[in-house]
Amino acid sequence: SVNMAVPRNQVVALLGRNGVGKTTMLNAILGLVPASGGSMTFDGKRIDSMAPDQRARLGIGYVPQGRDIFPGLSVWENLNVSLRVAGAKEADAEERLQNVYDLFPVLKEMLKRKGGVLSGGQQQQLSIGRALLLNPKLLILDEPTEGIQPSIIDQIEDAIYAIKKKGSMSVILVEQYLDFAKNASDAFYILERGSVVQEGSIELLDDDLIARYLTV
């Protein structure tokens, strides 16, 4: 019972209490778990039967909950993994890197530092930056503010605004921090027991809906 649309160049928040199916839905979009039925279309193409790597090559980027950077590699090596996967070289690689440094200047300052010694917020910036280097058409963010300090939450919010301003990609945002979700998103869907129970423009996410479906 999920019918969801993510318009071009918009941020759509996928909300719900723990255990309602948000991450499972993301994994189904990514092809990491099979969908039990229905269809998924991305950029005009059916992707239901595609492998995860095929979906990624179409332009679906993912920043998982928990970040999943390579802790033993330097910041530069983490970023370079994405550049190599993207096949970006010379001027193209420099332009992509500069775009990421503009969003998250701290990464340029810490290129030689191991990913594992960064703070949680810095690791999150690295994880997002690594995904952005692939120039995705759709960026999926799973709990990007979890466990990080307010100043970096503000930087992530600013990065989402910058992405929207460029008009270069859409975003699916799974988030428990509702103030952040409301500020960053254009629309929302609320899941309960694997089904969409409410949806609409983000301005319609009022205290009543929050109390009924989102507070613990």
C-alpha atoms as a PDB file:
ATOM      1  CA  SER A   1       0.000   0.000   0.000  1.00  0.00           C
ATOM      2  CA  VAL A   2       2.743   2.425  -0.959  1.00  0.00           C
ATOM      3  CA  ASN A   3       2.223   4.874  -3.794  1.00  0.00           C
ATOM      4  CA  MET A   4       4.934   7.517  -3.771  1.00  0.00           C
ATOM      5  CA  ALA A   5       6.210  10.046  -6.295  1.00  0.00           C
ATOM      6  CA  VAL A   6       9.409  12.087  -6.071  1.00  0.00           C
ATOM      7  CA  PRO A   7       9.262  15.035  -8.500  1.00  0.00           C
ATOM      8  CA  ARG A   8      12.391  16.319 -10.171  1.00  0.00           C
ATOM      9  CA  ASN A   9      14.435  18.737  -8.079  1.00  0.00           C
ATOM     10  CA  GLN A  10      12.327  18.323  -4.947  1.00  0.00           C
ATOM     11  CA  VAL A  11      13.049  16.961  -1.468  1.00  0.00           C
ATOM     12  CA  VAL A  12      10.524  14.416  -0.250  1.00  0.00           C
ATOM     13  CA  ALA A  13      10.556  13.387   3.414  1.00  0.00           C
ATOM     14  CA  LEU A  14       9.683   9.776   4.253  1.00  0.00           C
ATOM     15  CA  LEU A  15       8.530   9.810   7.869  1.00  0.00           C
ATOM     16  CA  GLY A  16       7.263   7.379  10.488  1.00  0.00           C
ATOM     17  CA  ARG A  17       8.027   5.813  13.828  1.00  0.00           C
ATOM     18  CA  ASN A  18      10.734   3.190  14.179  1.00  0.00           C
ATOM     19  CA  GLY A  19       9.870  -0.137  12.601  1.00  0.00           C
ATOM     20  CA  VAL A  20       7.190   1.024  10.153  1.00  0.00           C
ATOM     21  CA  GLY A  21       9.179   0.117   7.026  1.00  0.00           C
ATOM     22  CA  LYS A  22      11.134   3.232   6.011  1.00  0.00           C
ATOM     23  CA  THR A  23      14.549   1.608   5.597  1.00  0.00           C
ATOM     24  CA  THR A  24      12.993  -1.482   4.015  1.00  0.00           C
ATOM     25  CA  MET A  25      11.351   0.786   1.449  1.00  0.00           C
ATOM     26  CA  LEU A  26      14.687   2.459   0.715  1.00  0.00           C
ATOM     27  CA  ASN A  27      16.310  -0.955   0.303  1.00  0.00           C
ATOM     28  CA  ALA A  28      13.566  -1.937  -2.136  1.00  0.00           C
ATOM     29  CA  ILE A  29      14.213   1.230  -4.179  1.00  0.00           C
ATOM     30  CA  LEU A  30      17.925   0.438  -4.187  1.00  0.00           C
ATOM     31  CA  GLY A  31      17.334  -3.201  -5.134  1.00  0.00           C
ATOM     32  CA  LEU A  32      18.866  -4.561  -1.932  1.00  0.00           C
ATOM     33  CA  VAL A  33      15.638  -6.378  -1.034  1.00  0.00           C
ATOM     34  CA  PRO A  34      13.013  -7.601  -3.518  1.00  0.00           C
ATOM     35  CA  ALA A  35       9.722  -5.739  -3.732  1.00  0.00           C
ATOM     36  CA  SER A  36       6.764  -8.025  -3.038  1.00  0.00           C
ATOM     37  CA  GLY A  37       4.717  -6.467  -5.829  1.00  0.00           C
ATOM     38  CA  GLY A  38       3.917  -3.356  -7.792  1.00  0.00           C
ATOM     39  CA  SER A  39       6.344  -1.411  -9.944  1.00  0.00           C
ATOM     40  CA  MET A  40       9.064   1.213  -9.638  1.00  0.00           C
ATOM     41  CA  THR A  41       9.925   3.701 -12.339  1.00  0.00           C
ATOM     42  CA  PHE A  42      12.970   5.953 -12.299  1.00  0.00           C
ATOM     43  CA  ASP A  43      13.610   8.641 -14.907  1.00  0.00           C
ATOM     44  CA  GLY A  44      11.106   6.976 -17.229  1.00  0.00           C
ATOM     45  CA  LYS A  45      12.558   3.445 -16.887  1.00  0.00           C
ATOM     46  CA  ARG A  46      11.148   0.453 -15.006  1.00  0.00           C
ATOM     47  CA  ILE A  47      13.774  -0.612 -12.466  1.00  0.00           C
ATOM     48  CA  ASP A  48      11.945  -3.425 -10.608  1.00  0.00           C
ATOM     49  CA  SER A  49      14.109  -6.190 -12.057  1.00  0.00           C
ATOM     50  CA  MET A  50      17.383  -4.258 -12.164  1.00  0.00           C
ATOM     51  CA  ALA A  51      20.326  -5.152  -9.943  1.00  0.00           C
ATOM     52  CA  PRO A  52      21.516  -2.562  -7.393  1.00  0.00           C
ATOM     53  CA  ASP A  53      24.565  -1.608  -9.467  1.00  0.00           C
ATOM     54  CA  GLN A  54      22.372  -0.991 -12.522  1.00  0.00           C
ATOM     55  CA  ARG A  55      20.123   1.305 -10.499  1.00  0.00           C
ATOM     56  CA  ALA A  56      23.171   3.162  -9.187  1.00  0.00           C
ATOM     57  CA  ARG A  57      24.447   3.689 -12.733  1.00  0.00           C
ATOM     58  CA  LEU A  58      21.093   5.187 -13.699  1.00  0.00           C
ATOM     59  CA  GLY A  59      21.709   7.877 -11.089  1.00  0.00           C
ATOM     60  CA  ILE A  60      20.454   6.702  -7.685  1.00  0.00           C
ATOM     61  CA  GLY A  61      22.820   7.739  -4.894  1.00  0.00           C
ATOM     62  CA  TYR A  62      22.594   6.541  -1.300  1.00  0.00           C
ATOM     63  CA  VAL A  63      23.871   7.802   2.047  1.00  0.00           C
ATOM     64  CA  PRO A  64      23.072   5.011   4.522  1.00  0.00           C
ATOM     65  CA  GLN A  65      22.221   5.311   8.178  1.00  0.00           C
ATOM     66  CA  GLY A  66      25.527   4.860   9.994  1.00  0.00           C
ATOM     67  CA  ARG A  67      27.498   6.519   7.141  1.00  0.00           C
ATOM     68  CA  ASP A  68      29.510   3.416   6.074  1.00  0.00           C
ATOM     69  CA  ILE A  69      32.656   5.283   5.124  1.00  0.00           C
ATOM     70  CA  PHE A  70      35.945   3.368   4.848  1.00  0.00           C
ATOM     71  CA  PRO A  71      37.483   4.068   8.291  1.00  0.00           C
ATOM     72  CA  GLY A  72      40.984   2.884   7.361  1.00  0.00           C
ATOM     73  CA  LEU A  73      41.187   5.123   4.291  1.00  0.00           C
ATOM     74  CA  SER A  74      41.932   8.826   4.288  1.00  0.00           C
ATOM     75  CA  VAL A  75      39.293  11.403   3.426  1.00  0.00           C
ATOM     76  CA  TRP A  76      40.909  11.783   0.007  1.00  0.00           C
ATOM     77  CA  GLU A  77      40.929   8.013  -0.571  1.00  0.00           C
ATOM     78  CA  ASN A  78      37.241   7.794   0.405  1.00  0.00           C
ATOM     79  CA  LEU A  79      36.399  10.529  -2.083  1.00  0.00           C
ATOM     80  CA  ASN A  80      38.638   9.048  -4.765  1.00  0.00           C
ATOM     81  CA  VAL A  81      36.701   5.770  -4.617  1.00  0.00           C
ATOM     82  CA  SER A  82      33.642   7.625  -5.909  1.00  0.00           C
ATOM     83  CA  LEU A  83      35.644   9.476  -8.569  1.00  0.00           C
ATOM     84  CA  ARG A  84      37.024   6.175  -9.870  1.00  0.00           C
ATOM     85  CA  VAL A  85      33.581   4.543  -9.878  1.00  0.00           C
ATOM     86  CA  ALA A  86      32.218   7.570 -11.759  1.00  0.00           C
ATOM     87  CA  GLY A  87      35.122   7.501 -14.220  1.00  0.00           C
ATOM     88  CA  ALA A  88      35.726  11.197 -13.491  1.00  0.00           C
ATOM     89  CA  LYS A  89      39.173  12.453 -14.507  1.00  0.00           C
ATOM     90  CA  GLU A  90      41.132  15.680 -14.649  1.00  0.00           C
ATOM     91  CA  ALA A  91      38.904  18.748 -15.079  1.00  0.00           C
ATOM     92  CA  ASP A  92      35.697  16.782 -14.466  1.00  0.00           C
ATOM     93  CA  ALA A  93      37.075  15.282 -11.250  1.00  0.00           C
ATOM     94  CA  GLU A  94      38.332  18.673 -10.060  1.00  0.00           C
ATOM     95  CA  GLU A  95      34.947  20.283 -10.701  1.00  0.00           C
ATOM     96  CA  ARG A  96      33.102  17.549  -8.813  1.00  0.00           C
ATOM     97  CA  LEU A  97      35.529  17.801  -5.899  1.00  0.00           C
ATOM     98  CA  GLN A  98      35.251  21.576  -5.766  1.00  0.00           C
ATOM     99  CA  ASN A  99      31.463  21.343  -5.627  1.00  0.00           C
ATOM    100  CA  VAL A 100      31.771  19.042  -2.604  1.00  0.00           C
ATOM    101  CA  TYR A 101      34.376  21.283  -0.933  1.00  0.00           C
ATOM    102  CA  ASP A 102      32.072  24.272  -1.428  1.00  0.00           C
ATOM    103  CA  LEU A 103      29.349  22.436   0.488  1.00  0.00           C
ATOM    104  CA  PHE A 104      31.632  20.927   3.146  1.00  0.00           C
ATOM    105  CA  PRO A 105      34.890  22.948   3.438  1.00  0.00           C
ATOM    106  CA  VAL A 106      36.131  20.823   6.352  1.00  0.00           C
ATOM    107  CA  LEU A 107      36.713  17.890   3.993  1.00  0.00           C
ATOM    108  CA  LYS A 108      39.342  19.831   2.046  1.00  0.00           C
ATOM    109  CA  GLU A 109      41.102  20.628   5.320  1.00  0.00           C
ATOM    110  CA  MET A 110      41.211  16.950   6.355  1.00  0.00           C
ATOM    111  CA  LEU A 111      42.112  15.153   3.138  1.00  0.00           C
ATOM    112  CA  LYS A 112      44.979  13.204   4.736  1.00  0.00           C
ATOM    113  CA  ARG A 113      43.095  12.267   7.904  1.00  0.00           C
ATOM    114  CA  LYS A 114      41.744   8.740   8.306  1.00  0.00           C
ATOM    115  CA  GLY A 115      37.973   8.503   8.024  1.00  0.00           C
ATOM    116  CA  GLY A 116      37.785   6.536  11.257  1.00  0.00           C
ATOM    117  CA  VAL A 117      39.160   9.392  13.383  1.00  0.00           C
ATOM    118  CA  LEU A 118      36.695  12.004  12.131  1.00  0.00           C
ATOM    119  CA  SER A 119      33.806  13.098  14.324  1.00  0.00           C
ATOM    120  CA  GLY A 120      30.382  11.691  13.571  1.00  0.00           C
ATOM    121  CA  GLY A 121      29.356  14.897  11.863  1.00  0.00           C
ATOM    122  CA  GLN A 122      32.499  14.999   9.729  1.00  0.00           C
ATOM    123  CA  GLN A 123      31.963  11.376   8.730  1.00  0.00           C
ATOM    124  CA  GLN A 124      28.415  12.273   7.688  1.00  0.00           C
ATOM    125  CA  GLN A 125      29.698  15.123   5.546  1.00  0.00           C
ATOM    126  CA  LEU A 126      32.204  12.733   3.977  1.00  0.00           C
ATOM    127  CA  SER A 127      29.483  10.160   3.310  1.00  0.00           C
ATOM    128  CA  ILE A 128      27.257  12.761   1.634  1.00  0.00           C
ATOM    129  CA  GLY A 129      30.175  14.230  -0.300  1.00  0.00           C
ATOM    130  CA  ARG A 130      31.190  10.787  -1.536  1.00  0.00           C
ATOM    131  CA  ALA A 131      27.655  10.187  -2.840  1.00  0.00           C
ATOM    132  CA  LEU A 132      27.491  13.611  -4.506  1.00  0.00           C
ATOM    133  CA  LEU A 133      30.686  12.916  -6.469  1.00  0.00           C
ATOM    134  CA  LEU A 134      28.667  10.396  -8.482  1.00  0.00           C
ATOM    135  CA  ASN A 135      26.378  13.235  -9.685  1.00  0.00           C
ATOM    136  CA  PRO A 136      23.187  11.305  -8.842  1.00  0.00           C
ATOM    137  CA  LYS A 137      19.802  12.304 -10.191  1.00  0.00           C
ATOM    138  CA  LEU A 138      18.227  11.012  -6.956  1.00  0.00           C
ATOM    139  CA  LEU A 139      19.983  11.182  -3.599  1.00  0.00           C
ATOM    140  CA  ILE A 140      18.604   9.019  -0.778  1.00  0.00           C
ATOM    141  CA  LEU A 141      19.516  10.188   2.732  1.00  0.00           C
ATOM    142  CA  ASP A 142      18.758   7.776   5.580  1.00  0.00           C
ATOM    143  CA  GLU A 143      18.755   9.593   8.958  1.00  0.00           C
ATOM    144  CA  PRO A 144      21.494  12.111   8.043  1.00  0.00           C
ATOM    145  CA  THR A 145      21.231  14.050  11.346  1.00  0.00           C
ATOM    146  CA  GLU A 146      21.414  11.045  13.669  1.00  0.00           C
ATOM    147  CA  GLY A 147      23.962  11.559  16.423  1.00  0.00           C
ATOM    148  CA  ILE A 148      25.607  14.718  15.082  1.00  0.00           C
ATOM    149  CA  GLN A 149      26.001  18.197  16.483  1.00  0.00           C
ATOM    150  CA  PRO A 150      23.642  21.082  15.627  1.00  0.00           C
ATOM    151  CA  SER A 151      26.260  23.103  13.723  1.00  0.00           C
ATOM    152  CA  ILE A 152      26.799  20.274  11.231  1.00  0.00           C
ATOM    153  CA  ILE A 153      23.052  19.679  10.961  1.00  0.00           C
ATOM    154  CA  ASP A 154      22.843  23.306   9.814  1.00  0.00           C
ATOM    155  CA  GLN A 155      25.572  22.665   7.227  1.00  0.00           C
ATOM    156  CA  ILE A 156      23.737  19.613   5.897  1.00  0.00           C
ATOM    157  CA  GLU A 157      20.545  21.663   5.653  1.00  0.00           C
ATOM    158  CA  ASP A 158      22.450  24.376   3.767  1.00  0.00           C
ATOM    159  CA  ALA A 159      23.840  21.707   1.428  1.00  0.00           C
ATOM    160  CA  ILE A 160      20.329  20.482   0.643  1.00  0.00           C
ATOM    161  CA  TYR A 161      19.251  24.070  -0.104  1.00  0.00           C
ATOM    162  CA  ALA A 162      22.248  24.449  -2.434  1.00  0.00           C
ATOM    163  CA  ILE A 163      21.396  21.207  -4.224  1.00  0.00           C
ATOM    164  CA  LYS A 164      17.803  22.384  -4.703  1.00  0.00           C
ATOM    165  CA  LYS A 165      18.977  25.768  -5.962  1.00  0.00           C
ATOM    166  CA  LYS A 166      21.119  24.123  -8.624  1.00  0.00           C
ATOM    167  CA  GLY A 167      18.108  22.089  -9.716  1.00  0.00           C
ATOM    168  CA  SER A 168      20.379  19.119 -10.300  1.00  0.00           C
ATOM    169  CA  MET A 169      18.785  16.303  -8.321  1.00  0.00           C
ATOM    170  CA  SER A 170      15.870  15.043  -6.247  1.00  0.00           C
ATOM    171  CA  VAL A 171      16.184  13.866  -2.650  1.00  0.00           C
ATOM    172  CA  ILE A 172      14.387  11.261  -0.543  1.00  0.00           C
ATOM    173  CA  LEU A 173      14.969  12.129   3.104  1.00  0.00           C
ATOM    174  CA  VAL A 174      14.282   9.670   5.923  1.00  0.00           C
ATOM    175  CA  GLU A 175      14.507  11.675   9.128  1.00  0.00           C
ATOM    176  CA  GLN A 176      13.400  11.585  12.771  1.00  0.00           C
ATOM    177  CA  TYR A 177      14.418  15.176  13.518  1.00  0.00           C
ATOM    178  CA  LEU A 178      11.190  16.815  12.398  1.00  0.00           C
ATOM    179  CA  ASP A 179      12.347  20.431  12.457  1.00  0.00           C
ATOM    180  CA  PHE A 180      15.114  19.524  10.031  1.00  0.00           C
ATOM    181  CA  ALA A 181      12.732  17.515   7.837  1.00  0.00           C
ATOM    182  CA  LYS A 182      10.208  20.361   7.716  1.00  0.00           C
ATOM    183  CA  ASN A 183      12.854  22.954   6.876  1.00  0.00           C
ATOM    184  CA  ALA A 184      14.558  20.884   4.193  1.00  0.00           C
ATOM    185  CA  SER A 185      11.613  19.219   2.435  1.00  0.00           C
ATOM    186  CA  ASP A 186       8.984  20.160  -0.124  1.00  0.00           C
ATOM    187  CA  ALA A 187       6.609  17.248   0.529  1.00  0.00           C
ATOM    188  CA  PHE A 188       6.153  14.341   2.918  1.00  0.00           C
ATOM    189  CA  TYR A 189       4.844  10.801   3.149  1.00  0.00           C
ATOM    190  CA  ILE A 190       4.107   9.110   6.481  1.00  0.00           C
ATOM    191  CA  LEU A 191       4.396   5.341   6.761  1.00  0.00           C
ATOM    192  CA  GLU A 192       2.622   3.168   9.296  1.00  0.00           C
ATOM    193  CA  ARG A 193       2.860  -0.634   9.215  1.00  0.00           C
ATOM    194  CA  GLY A 194       4.305  -0.521   5.719  1.00  0.00           C
ATOM    195  CA  SER A 195       1.561   1.664   4.230  1.00  0.00           C
ATOM    196  CA  VAL A 196       1.354   5.347   3.390  1.00  0.00           C
ATOM    197  CA  VAL A 197      -1.221   6.850   5.757  1.00  0.00           C
ATOM    198  CA  GLN A 198      -0.673  10.577   5.107  1.00  0.00           C
ATOM    199  CA  GLU A 199       1.005  12.633   2.396  1.00  0.00           C
ATOM    200  CA  GLY A 200       1.116  16.159   1.065  1.00  0.00           C
ATOM    201  CA  SER A 201       2.997  19.425   0.870  1.00  0.00           C
ATOM    202  CA  ILE A 202       5.334  19.900   3.824  1.00  0.00           C
ATOM    203  CA  GLU A 203       3.217  22.847   5.008  1.00  0.00           C
ATOM    204  CA  LEU A 204       0.453  20.329   5.810  1.00  0.00           C
ATOM    205  CA  LEU A 205       2.610  18.484   8.342  1.00  0.00           C
ATOM    206  CA  ASP A 206       0.926  19.980  11.396  1.00  0.00           C
ATOM    207  CA  ASP A 207       0.986  19.198  15.116  1.00  0.00           C
ATOM    208  CA  ASP A 208      -2.024  16.899  14.814  1.00  0.00           C
ATOM    209  CA  LEU A 209      -0.342  14.630  12.253  1.00  0.00           C
ATOM    210  CA  ILE A 210       2.861  14.660  14.258  1.00  0.00           C
ATOM    211  CA  ALA A 211       1.013  13.634  17.433  1.00  0.00           C
ATOM    212  CA  ARG A 212      -0.968  10.882  15.654  1.00  0.00           C
ATOM    213  CA  TYR A 213       1.792   9.278  13.626  1.00  0.00           C
ATOM    214  CA  LEU A 214       5.239  10.479  14.618  1.00  0.00           C
ATOM    215  CA  THR A 215       5.546  11.016  18.376  1.00  0.00           C
ATOM    216  CA  VAL A 216       6.620   8.095  20.520  1.00  0.00           C
END
